[in-house]
Amino acid sequence: MSAKLPVISGERLIRKLVKNGFSVKRQAGSHVVLQKGEIVFSVPLHDELKKGTLKAILSQSGLEVEDLLK
């Protein structure tokens, strides 16, 4: 059983992703584009990310909820 999705801000999620090997490529308005190899996606800089947005970002990045909770 997977852990429950946390309520997390875009800025905090970006910090976690950078610790997991992603690098910030650019920022366009309130969206930050991250990359690791061939994987490229954007993260909105919202105070609280919606659960669907967070699930999509985790799916694209290949990370699990447990990786965020560390």
PDB file of N, CA and C in Angstrom:
ATOM      1  N   MET A   1       0.849  -1.182   0.000  1.00  0.00           N
ATOM      2  CA  MET A   1       0.000   0.000   0.000  1.00  0.00           C
ATOM      3  C   MET A   1       0.891   1.240   0.000  1.00  0.00           C
ATOM      4  N   SER A   2       0.596   2.157  -0.875  1.00  0.00           N
ATOM      5  CA  SER A   2       1.426   3.358  -0.952  1.00  0.00           C
ATOM      6  C   SER A   2       0.999   4.378   0.087  1.00  0.00           C
ATOM      7  N   ALA A   3       1.908   5.245   0.427  1.00  0.00           N
ATOM      8  CA  ALA A   3       1.650   6.275   1.426  1.00  0.00           C
ATOM      9  C   ALA A   3       0.703   7.331   0.861  1.00  0.00           C
ATOM     10  N   LYS A   4       0.053   8.034   1.753  1.00  0.00           N
ATOM     11  CA  LYS A   4      -0.871   9.091   1.362  1.00  0.00           C
ATOM     12  C   LYS A   4      -0.096  10.276   0.792  1.00  0.00           C
ATOM     13  N   LEU A   5      -0.661  10.899  -0.243  1.00  0.00           N
ATOM     14  CA  LEU A   5      -0.003  12.057  -0.852  1.00  0.00           C
ATOM     15  C   LEU A   5       0.044  13.218   0.132  1.00  0.00           C
ATOM     16  N   PRO A   6       1.209  13.820   0.323  1.00  0.00           N
ATOM     17  CA  PRO A   6       1.304  14.956   1.238  1.00  0.00           C
ATOM     18  C   PRO A   6       0.819  16.237   0.564  1.00  0.00           C
ATOM     19  N   VAL A   7       0.458  17.218   1.368  1.00  0.00           N
ATOM     20  CA  VAL A   7       0.185  18.561   0.855  1.00  0.00           C
ATOM     21  C   VAL A   7       1.536  19.259   0.823  1.00  0.00           C
ATOM     22  N   ILE A   8       1.948  19.679  -0.369  1.00  0.00           N
ATOM     23  CA  ILE A   8       3.293  20.211  -0.547  1.00  0.00           C
ATOM     24  C   ILE A   8       3.242  21.391  -1.516  1.00  0.00           C
ATOM     25  N   SER A   9       4.123  22.347  -1.293  1.00  0.00           N
ATOM     26  CA  SER A   9       4.186  23.498  -2.202  1.00  0.00           C
ATOM     27  C   SER A   9       5.073  23.153  -3.392  1.00  0.00           C
ATOM     28  N   GLY A  10       4.932  23.908  -4.460  1.00  0.00           N
ATOM     29  CA  GLY A  10       5.757  23.696  -5.637  1.00  0.00           C
ATOM     30  C   GLY A  10       7.231  23.913  -5.345  1.00  0.00           C
ATOM     31  N   GLU A  11       7.520  24.911  -4.537  1.00  0.00           N
ATOM     32  CA  GLU A  11       8.908  25.226  -4.194  1.00  0.00           C
ATOM     33  C   GLU A  11       9.562  24.087  -3.408  1.00  0.00           C
ATOM     34  N   ARG A  12       8.819  23.525  -2.465  1.00  0.00           N
ATOM     35  CA  ARG A  12       9.354  22.423  -1.659  1.00  0.00           C
ATOM     36  C   ARG A  12       9.543  21.171  -2.517  1.00  0.00           C
ATOM     37  N   LEU A  13       8.599  20.930  -3.436  1.00  0.00           N
ATOM     38  CA  LEU A  13       8.713  19.789  -4.336  1.00  0.00           C
ATOM     39  C   LEU A  13       9.953  19.929  -5.219  1.00  0.00           C
ATOM     40  N   ILE A  14      10.218  21.127  -5.695  1.00  0.00           N
ATOM     41  CA  ILE A  14      11.400  21.363  -6.527  1.00  0.00           C
ATOM     42  C   ILE A  14      12.666  21.060  -5.743  1.00  0.00           C
ATOM     43  N   ARG A  15      12.728  21.476  -4.474  1.00  0.00           N
ATOM     44  CA  ARG A  15      13.904  21.179  -3.642  1.00  0.00           C
ATOM     45  C   ARG A  15      14.112  19.669  -3.513  1.00  0.00           C
ATOM     46  N   LYS A  16      13.012  18.922  -3.313  1.00  0.00           N
ATOM     47  CA  LYS A  16      13.099  17.461  -3.192  1.00  0.00           C
ATOM     48  C   LYS A  16      13.571  16.832  -4.502  1.00  0.00           C
ATOM     49  N   LEU A  17      13.049  17.338  -5.628  1.00  0.00           N
ATOM     50  CA  LEU A  17      13.437  16.791  -6.928  1.00  0.00           C
ATOM     51  C   LEU A  17      14.909  17.068  -7.233  1.00  0.00           C
ATOM     52  N   VAL A  18      15.397  18.247  -6.860  1.00  0.00           N
ATOM     53  CA  VAL A  18      16.807  18.579  -7.072  1.00  0.00           C
ATOM     54  C   VAL A  18      17.690  17.647  -6.248  1.00  0.00           C
ATOM     55  N   LYS A  19      17.269  17.327  -5.027  1.00  0.00           N
ATOM     56  CA  LYS A  19      18.027  16.385  -4.199  1.00  0.00           C
ATOM     57  C   LYS A  19      18.062  14.992  -4.815  1.00  0.00           C
ATOM     58  N   ASN A  20      17.051  14.681  -5.651  1.00  0.00           N
ATOM     59  CA  ASN A  20      16.975  13.379  -6.309  1.00  0.00           C
ATOM     60  C   ASN A  20      17.578  13.398  -7.709  1.00  0.00           C
ATOM     61  N   GLY A  21      18.384  14.405  -8.021  1.00  0.00           N
ATOM     62  CA  GLY A  21      19.144  14.390  -9.253  1.00  0.00           C
ATOM     63  C   GLY A  21      18.607  15.239 -10.396  1.00  0.00           C
ATOM     64  N   PHE A  22      17.475  15.881 -10.231  1.00  0.00           N
ATOM     65  CA  PHE A  22      16.941  16.748 -11.275  1.00  0.00           C
ATOM     66  C   PHE A  22      17.610  18.110 -11.199  1.00  0.00           C
ATOM     67  N   SER A  23      17.666  18.803 -12.329  1.00  0.00           N
ATOM     68  CA  SER A  23      18.237  20.145 -12.335  1.00  0.00           C
ATOM     69  C   SER A  23      17.226  21.118 -12.928  1.00  0.00           C
ATOM     70  N   VAL A  24      17.244  22.347 -12.408  1.00  0.00           N
ATOM     71  CA  VAL A  24      16.348  23.391 -12.886  1.00  0.00           C
ATOM     72  C   VAL A  24      16.922  23.923 -14.191  1.00  0.00           C
ATOM     73  N   LYS A  25      16.125  23.870 -15.256  1.00  0.00           N
ATOM     74  CA  LYS A  25      16.583  24.332 -16.567  1.00  0.00           C
ATOM     75  C   LYS A  25      16.178  25.778 -16.820  1.00  0.00           C
ATOM     76  N   ARG A  26      14.934  26.126 -16.508  1.00  0.00           N
ATOM     77  CA  ARG A  26      14.469  27.494 -16.731  1.00  0.00           C
ATOM     78  C   ARG A  26      13.176  27.704 -15.971  1.00  0.00           C
ATOM     79  N   GLN A  27      12.772  28.975 -15.902  1.00  0.00           N
ATOM     80  CA  GLN A  27      11.499  29.328 -15.287  1.00  0.00           C
ATOM     81  C   GLN A  27      10.736  30.220 -16.253  1.00  0.00           C
ATOM     82  N   ALA A  28       9.475  29.898 -16.473  1.00  0.00           N
ATOM     83  CA  ALA A  28       8.605  30.694 -17.330  1.00  0.00           C
ATOM     84  C   ALA A  28       7.397  31.108 -16.491  1.00  0.00           C
ATOM     85  N   GLY A  29       7.418  32.320 -16.007  1.00  0.00           N
ATOM     86  CA  GLY A  29       6.326  32.776 -15.138  1.00  0.00           C
ATOM     87  C   GLY A  29       6.348  32.022 -13.831  1.00  0.00           C
ATOM     88  N   SER A  30       5.233  31.360 -13.523  1.00  0.00           N
ATOM     89  CA  SER A  30       5.137  30.639 -12.253  1.00  0.00           C
ATOM     90  C   SER A  30       5.394  29.141 -12.426  1.00  0.00           C
ATOM     91  N   HIS A  31       6.045  28.739 -13.510  1.00  0.00           N
ATOM     92  CA  HIS A  31       6.352  27.334 -13.744  1.00  0.00           C
ATOM     93  C   HIS A  31       7.857  27.159 -13.922  1.00  0.00           C
ATOM     94  N   VAL A  32       8.408  26.157 -13.235  1.00  0.00           N
ATOM     95  CA  VAL A  32       9.830  25.854 -13.303  1.00  0.00           C
ATOM     96  C   VAL A  32       9.987  24.545 -14.069  1.00  0.00           C
ATOM     97  N   VAL A  33      10.871  24.535 -15.049  1.00  0.00           N
ATOM     98  CA  VAL A  33      11.121  23.343 -15.855  1.00  0.00           C
ATOM     99  C   VAL A  33      12.342  22.628 -15.295  1.00  0.00           C
ATOM    100  N   LEU A  34      12.169  21.332 -15.010  1.00  0.00           N
ATOM    101  CA  LEU A  34      13.245  20.506 -14.475  1.00  0.00           C
ATOM    102  C   LEU A  34      13.604  19.426 -15.485  1.00  0.00           C
ATOM    103  N   GLN A  35      14.859  18.942 -15.396  1.00  0.00           N
ATOM    104  CA  GLN A  35      15.313  17.919 -16.322  1.00  0.00           C
ATOM    105  C   GLN A  35      16.284  16.988 -15.631  1.00  0.00           C
ATOM    106  N   LYS A  36      16.210  15.729 -16.047  1.00  0.00           N
ATOM    107  CA  LYS A  36      17.182  14.707 -15.638  1.00  0.00           C
ATOM    108  C   LYS A  36      17.297  13.745 -16.815  1.00  0.00           C
ATOM    109  N   GLY A  37      18.367  13.847 -17.546  1.00  0.00           N
ATOM    110  CA  GLY A  37      18.521  13.034 -18.752  1.00  0.00           C
ATOM    111  C   GLY A  37      17.479  13.420 -19.784  1.00  0.00           C
ATOM    112  N   GLU A  38      16.685  12.446 -20.212  1.00  0.00           N
ATOM    113  CA  GLU A  38      15.635  12.687 -21.209  1.00  0.00           C
ATOM    114  C   GLU A  38      14.314  13.121 -20.581  1.00  0.00           C
ATOM    115  N   ILE A  39      14.216  13.067 -19.265  1.00  0.00           N
ATOM    116  CA  ILE A  39      12.967  13.408 -18.568  1.00  0.00           C
ATOM    117  C   ILE A  39      12.900  14.915 -18.364  1.00  0.00           C
ATOM    118  N   VAL A  40      11.844  15.553 -18.896  1.00  0.00           N
ATOM    119  CA  VAL A  40      11.652  16.992 -18.762  1.00  0.00           C
ATOM    120  C   VAL A  40      10.187  17.244 -18.405  1.00  0.00           C
ATOM    121  N   PHE A  41       9.949  18.054 -17.374  1.00  0.00           N
ATOM    122  CA  PHE A  41       8.587  18.409 -16.978  1.00  0.00           C
ATOM    123  C   PHE A  41       8.618  19.725 -16.215  1.00  0.00           C
ATOM    124  N   SER A  42       7.441  20.318 -16.018  1.00  0.00           N
ATOM    125  CA  SER A  42       7.376  21.587 -15.295  1.00  0.00           C
ATOM    126  C   SER A  42       6.625  21.401 -13.987  1.00  0.00           C
ATOM    127  N   VAL A  43       6.978  22.248 -13.021  1.00  0.00           N
ATOM    128  CA  VAL A  43       6.346  22.259 -11.702  1.00  0.00           C
ATOM    129  C   VAL A  43       5.825  23.668 -11.444  1.00  0.00           C
ATOM    130  N   PRO A  44       4.522  23.807 -11.150  1.00  0.00           N
ATOM    131  CA  PRO A  44       3.994  25.139 -10.851  1.00  0.00           C
ATOM    132  C   PRO A  44       4.429  25.594  -9.461  1.00  0.00           C
ATOM    133  N   LEU A  45       4.681  26.872  -9.302  1.00  0.00           N
ATOM    134  CA  LEU A  45       5.098  27.417  -8.006  1.00  0.00           C
ATOM    135  C   LEU A  45       3.879  27.853  -7.195  1.00  0.00           C
ATOM    136  N   HIS A  46       2.987  26.925  -6.927  1.00  0.00           N
ATOM    137  CA  HIS A  46       1.799  27.211  -6.128  1.00  0.00           C
ATOM    138  C   HIS A  46       2.090  26.920  -4.661  1.00  0.00           C
ATOM    139  N   ASP A  47       1.309  27.549  -3.768  1.00  0.00           N
ATOM    140  CA  ASP A  47       1.477  27.296  -2.334  1.00  0.00           C
ATOM    141  C   ASP A  47       1.134  25.855  -1.986  1.00  0.00           C
ATOM    142  N   GLU A  48       0.077  25.316  -2.607  1.00  0.00           N
ATOM    143  CA  GLU A  48      -0.316  23.921  -2.423  1.00  0.00           C
ATOM    144  C   GLU A  48      -0.616  23.331  -3.788  1.00  0.00           C
ATOM    145  N   LEU A  49       0.078  22.245  -4.123  1.00  0.00           N
ATOM    146  CA  LEU A  49      -0.189  21.578  -5.395  1.00  0.00           C
ATOM    147  C   LEU A  49      -1.419  20.689  -5.239  1.00  0.00           C
ATOM    148  N   LYS A  50      -2.255  20.659  -6.257  1.00  0.00           N
ATOM    149  CA  LYS A  50      -3.411  19.767  -6.240  1.00  0.00           C
ATOM    150  C   LYS A  50      -2.909  18.341  -6.328  1.00  0.00           C
ATOM    151  N   LYS A  51      -3.691  17.415  -5.780  1.00  0.00           N
ATOM    152  CA  LYS A  51      -3.267  16.018  -5.723  1.00  0.00           C
ATOM    153  C   LYS A  51      -3.029  15.435  -7.112  1.00  0.00           C
ATOM    154  N   GLY A  52      -3.864  15.772  -8.080  1.00  0.00           N
ATOM    155  CA  GLY A  52      -3.689  15.275  -9.441  1.00  0.00           C
ATOM    156  C   GLY A  52      -2.414  15.794 -10.073  1.00  0.00           C
ATOM    157  N   THR A  53      -2.094  17.053  -9.810  1.00  0.00           N
ATOM    158  CA  THR A  53      -0.857  17.651 -10.325  1.00  0.00           C
ATOM    159  C   THR A  53       0.350  16.958  -9.709  1.00  0.00           C
ATOM    160  N   LEU A  54       0.307  16.736  -8.403  1.00  0.00           N
ATOM    161  CA  LEU A  54       1.409  16.075  -7.714  1.00  0.00           C
ATOM    162  C   LEU A  54       1.588  14.647  -8.225  1.00  0.00           C
ATOM    163  N   LYS A  55       0.481  13.921  -8.420  1.00  0.00           N
ATOM    164  CA  LYS A  55       0.569  12.549  -8.929  1.00  0.00           C
ATOM    165  C   LYS A  55       1.178  12.526 -10.323  1.00  0.00           C
ATOM    166  N   ALA A  56       0.802  13.478 -11.166  1.00  0.00           N
ATOM    167  CA  ALA A  56       1.333  13.535 -12.524  1.00  0.00           C
ATOM    168  C   ALA A  56       2.837  13.822 -12.509  1.00  0.00           C
ATOM    169  N   ILE A  57       3.261  14.740 -11.657  1.00  0.00           N
ATOM    170  CA  ILE A  57       4.687  15.074 -11.571  1.00  0.00           C
ATOM    171  C   ILE A  57       5.481  13.873 -11.063  1.00  0.00           C
ATOM    172  N   LEU A  58       4.960  13.192 -10.048  1.00  0.00           N
ATOM    173  CA  LEU A  58       5.651  12.008  -9.525  1.00  0.00           C
ATOM    174  C   LEU A  58       5.729  10.915 -10.578  1.00  0.00           C
ATOM    175  N   SER A  59       4.661  10.742 -11.342  1.00  0.00           N
ATOM    176  CA  SER A  59       4.648   9.744 -12.407  1.00  0.00           C
ATOM    177  C   SER A  59       5.684  10.073 -13.480  1.00  0.00           C
ATOM    178  N   GLN A  60       5.749  11.329 -13.877  1.00  0.00           N
ATOM    179  CA  GLN A  60       6.705  11.749 -14.902  1.00  0.00           C
ATOM    180  C   GLN A  60       8.143  11.636 -14.409  1.00  0.00           C
ATOM    181  N   SER A  61       8.358  11.918 -13.131  1.00  0.00           N
ATOM    182  CA  SER A  61       9.723  11.896 -12.597  1.00  0.00           C
ATOM    183  C   SER A  61      10.186  10.490 -12.234  1.00  0.00           C
ATOM    184  N   GLY A  62       9.248   9.559 -12.083  1.00  0.00           N
ATOM    185  CA  GLY A  62       9.619   8.201 -11.703  1.00  0.00           C
ATOM    186  C   GLY A  62       9.822   8.028 -10.209  1.00  0.00           C
ATOM    187  N   LEU A  63       9.462   9.035  -9.421  1.00  0.00           N
ATOM    188  CA  LEU A  63       9.617   8.959  -7.966  1.00  0.00           C
ATOM    189  C   LEU A  63       8.346   8.425  -7.319  1.00  0.00           C
ATOM    190  N   GLU A  64       8.487   7.913  -6.115  1.00  0.00           N
ATOM    191  CA  GLU A  64       7.359   7.413  -5.332  1.00  0.00           C
ATOM    192  C   GLU A  64       7.042   8.418  -4.227  1.00  0.00           C
ATOM    193  N   VAL A  65       5.872   8.281  -3.642  1.00  0.00           N
ATOM    194  CA  VAL A  65       5.459   9.162  -2.534  1.00  0.00           C
ATOM    195  C   VAL A  65       6.435   9.017  -1.371  1.00  0.00           C
ATOM    196  N   GLU A  66       6.929   7.810  -1.144  1.00  0.00           N
ATOM    197  CA  GLU A  66       7.869   7.567  -0.052  1.00  0.00           C
ATOM    198  C   GLU A  66       9.159   8.382  -0.220  1.00  0.00           C
ATOM    199  N   ASP A  67       9.555   8.622  -1.476  1.00  0.00           N
ATOM    200  CA  ASP A  67      10.754   9.434  -1.738  1.00  0.00           C
ATOM    201  C   ASP A  67      10.558  10.870  -1.275  1.00  0.00           C
ATOM    202  N   LEU A  68       9.325  11.383  -1.383  1.00  0.00           N
ATOM    203  CA  LEU A  68       9.037  12.738  -0.921  1.00  0.00           C
ATOM    204  C   LEU A  68       9.026  12.841   0.593  1.00  0.00           C
ATOM    205  N   LEU A  69       8.588  11.774   1.242  1.00  0.00           N
ATOM    206  CA  LEU A  69       8.427  11.795   2.690  1.00  0.00           C
ATOM    207  C   LEU A  69       9.739  11.622   3.438  1.00  0.00           C
ATOM    208  N   LYS A  70      10.814  11.269   2.741  1.00  0.00           N
ATOM    209  CA  LYS A  70      12.130  11.109   3.389  1.00  0.00           C
ATOM    210  C   LYS A  70      12.659  12.438   3.848  1.00  0.00           C
TER     211      LYS A  70
END
